[in-house]
Amino acid sequence: VQLVESGGGLVQAGGSLRLSCVVHGPIFILSDMAWYRQAPEKERELVARMGRGGSTDYGDSVKGRFTISRDNAQNTVFLQMDDLKPDDTGVYFCYAEVKPTWDRSFEKYWGPGTQVSVSS
């Protein structure tokens, strides 16, 4: 199982970015998908999480500005980031819980990360 992220970059404060993450198989069941971020010298934190059925959870600092969505048919999760602030700068990691085959348990997978930089 491999997660491939795209969409990071440099943007001015107030701007927008859209991150994408595709999960490549084997995939028997794809459960929760999420985005985390890590700023320099800070711990990794939850940005947004979405269950297979559509339930969502957001970090307090991004509520009202970021929107997570997913396309189950394409094994893809998106993060629409609006009204970006310098404090949103960091490496954004895609996360997925996958049952690779019928006889294996759910396992946790991470993407390599994509840099998001917001200038003031």
Protein backbone atom coordinates (compact mmCIF):
# COMPACT_ATOMS: atom_id res chain seq x y z
CA VAL A 1 0.00 0.00 0.00
CA GLN A 2 1.37 3.40 -0.94
CA LEU A 3 0.02 6.91 -0.39
CA VAL A 4 0.92 9.61 -2.92
CA GLU A 5 0.26 13.26 -2.05
CA SER A 6 0.18 16.28 -4.34
CA GLY A 7 -0.85 19.92 -4.28
CA GLY A 8 1.49 21.56 -1.82
CA GLY A 9 3.31 24.79 -2.53
CA LEU A 10 3.89 28.40 -1.59
CA VAL A 11 0.96 30.78 -1.24
CA GLN A 12 0.35 34.20 0.26
CA ALA A 13 -1.76 34.62 3.37
CA GLY A 14 -5.44 34.59 2.49
CA GLY A 15 -4.87 32.31 -0.48
CA SER A 16 -6.01 28.75 -1.12
CA LEU A 17 -4.48 25.37 -1.88
CA ARG A 18 -5.98 21.96 -2.56
CA LEU A 19 -4.15 18.82 -1.50
CA SER A 20 -4.82 15.39 -2.95
CA CYS A 21 -3.78 11.94 -1.78
CA VAL A 22 -4.26 8.72 -3.71
CA VAL A 23 -4.03 5.35 -1.99
CA HIS A 24 -2.51 2.67 -4.21
CA GLY A 25 -3.38 -0.98 -3.54
CA PRO A 26 -3.80 -3.69 -2.56
CA ILE A 27 -7.00 -2.40 -0.93
CA PHE A 28 -9.69 -4.70 0.35
CA ILE A 29 -11.28 -2.04 2.59
CA LEU A 30 -10.30 1.63 2.88
CA SER A 31 -11.49 3.05 6.17
CA ASP A 32 -10.62 6.39 7.78
CA MET A 33 -8.55 8.90 5.82
CA ALA A 34 -7.00 12.02 7.26
CA TRP A 35 -4.54 14.86 6.93
CA TYR A 36 -1.99 15.70 9.60
CA ARG A 37 0.61 18.42 9.60
CA GLN A 38 3.89 19.10 11.31
CA ALA A 39 5.46 22.52 11.66
CA PRO A 40 9.17 22.96 12.43
CA GLU A 41 9.96 21.98 16.04
CA LYS A 42 6.33 21.06 16.71
CA GLU A 43 4.54 17.75 17.07
CA ARG A 44 2.44 16.29 14.30
CA GLU A 45 -1.20 17.35 14.70
CA LEU A 46 -4.53 16.36 13.19
CA VAL A 47 -5.82 18.73 10.54
CA ALA A 48 -8.91 16.83 9.36
CA ARG A 49 -10.23 13.28 9.36
CA MET A 50 -13.02 11.61 7.41
CA GLY A 51 -14.62 8.24 7.87
CA ARG A 52 -15.72 6.09 4.96
CA GLY A 53 -19.32 7.04 5.62
CA GLY A 54 -18.58 10.75 5.55
CA SER A 55 -18.21 11.70 9.20
CA THR A 56 -15.62 14.44 9.72
CA ASP A 57 -13.43 15.85 12.45
CA TYR A 58 -11.29 18.99 12.24
CA GLY A 59 -8.52 20.53 14.27
CA ASP A 60 -9.71 23.64 16.09
CA SER A 61 -7.33 25.95 14.24
CA VAL A 62 -8.68 25.03 10.79
CA LYS A 63 -12.42 24.81 11.42
CA GLY A 64 -14.34 26.99 8.99
CA ARG A 65 -11.34 27.34 6.65
CA PHE A 66 -10.42 23.80 5.58
CA THR A 67 -12.67 21.14 4.08
CA ILE A 68 -11.87 17.45 3.79
CA SER A 69 -13.56 15.26 1.18
CA ARG A 70 -12.98 11.89 -0.41
CA ASP A 71 -13.75 9.90 -3.52
CA ASN A 72 -14.09 6.29 -2.43
CA ALA A 73 -14.23 5.04 -6.02
CA GLN A 74 -10.81 6.59 -6.68
CA ASN A 75 -9.34 5.85 -3.22
CA THR A 76 -8.56 9.55 -2.92
CA VAL A 77 -8.84 12.12 -0.16
CA PHE A 78 -8.72 15.88 -0.67
CA LEU A 79 -8.07 18.85 1.57
CA GLN A 80 -9.35 22.23 0.41
CA MET A 81 -7.53 24.93 2.34
CA ASP A 82 -8.92 28.46 2.19
CA ASP A 83 -7.95 31.67 3.95
CA LEU A 84 -4.50 30.27 4.64
CA LYS A 85 -2.42 31.80 7.41
CA PRO A 86 1.34 31.75 8.07
CA ASP A 87 0.67 29.41 11.03
CA ASP A 88 -0.63 26.83 8.54
CA THR A 89 2.92 26.38 7.24
CA GLY A 90 4.26 22.87 7.61
CA VAL A 91 4.56 19.45 6.06
CA TYR A 92 1.16 17.90 5.43
CA PHE A 93 0.89 14.14 5.67
CA CYS A 94 -1.85 11.94 4.29
CA TYR A 95 -3.02 9.06 6.51
CA ALA A 96 -5.17 6.05 5.71
CA GLU A 97 -6.40 2.94 7.51
CA VAL A 98 -6.42 0.06 5.06
CA LYS A 99 -7.33 -3.61 5.18
CA PRO A 100 -5.08 -4.75 2.32
CA THR A 101 -6.55 -8.22 1.83
CA TRP A 102 -9.46 -10.16 3.31
CA ASP A 103 -7.21 -12.08 5.68
CA ARG A 104 -5.20 -9.17 7.05
CA SER A 105 -6.07 -6.68 9.77
CA PHE A 106 -6.50 -2.97 9.28
CA GLU A 107 -3.13 -1.23 9.11
CA LYS A 108 -2.12 2.43 9.30
CA TYR A 109 -0.28 4.05 6.41
CA TRP A 110 1.34 7.45 5.92
CA GLY A 111 2.34 9.41 2.84
CA PRO A 112 5.81 11.00 2.58
CA GLY A 113 4.39 14.50 3.11
CA THR A 114 4.00 17.62 1.02
CA GLN A 115 5.24 21.07 1.99
CA VAL A 116 2.78 23.93 2.44
CA SER A 117 4.28 27.37 2.98
CA VAL A 118 2.20 30.47 3.63
CA SER A 119 3.88 33.86 3.45
CA SER A 120 2.62 36.91 5.31
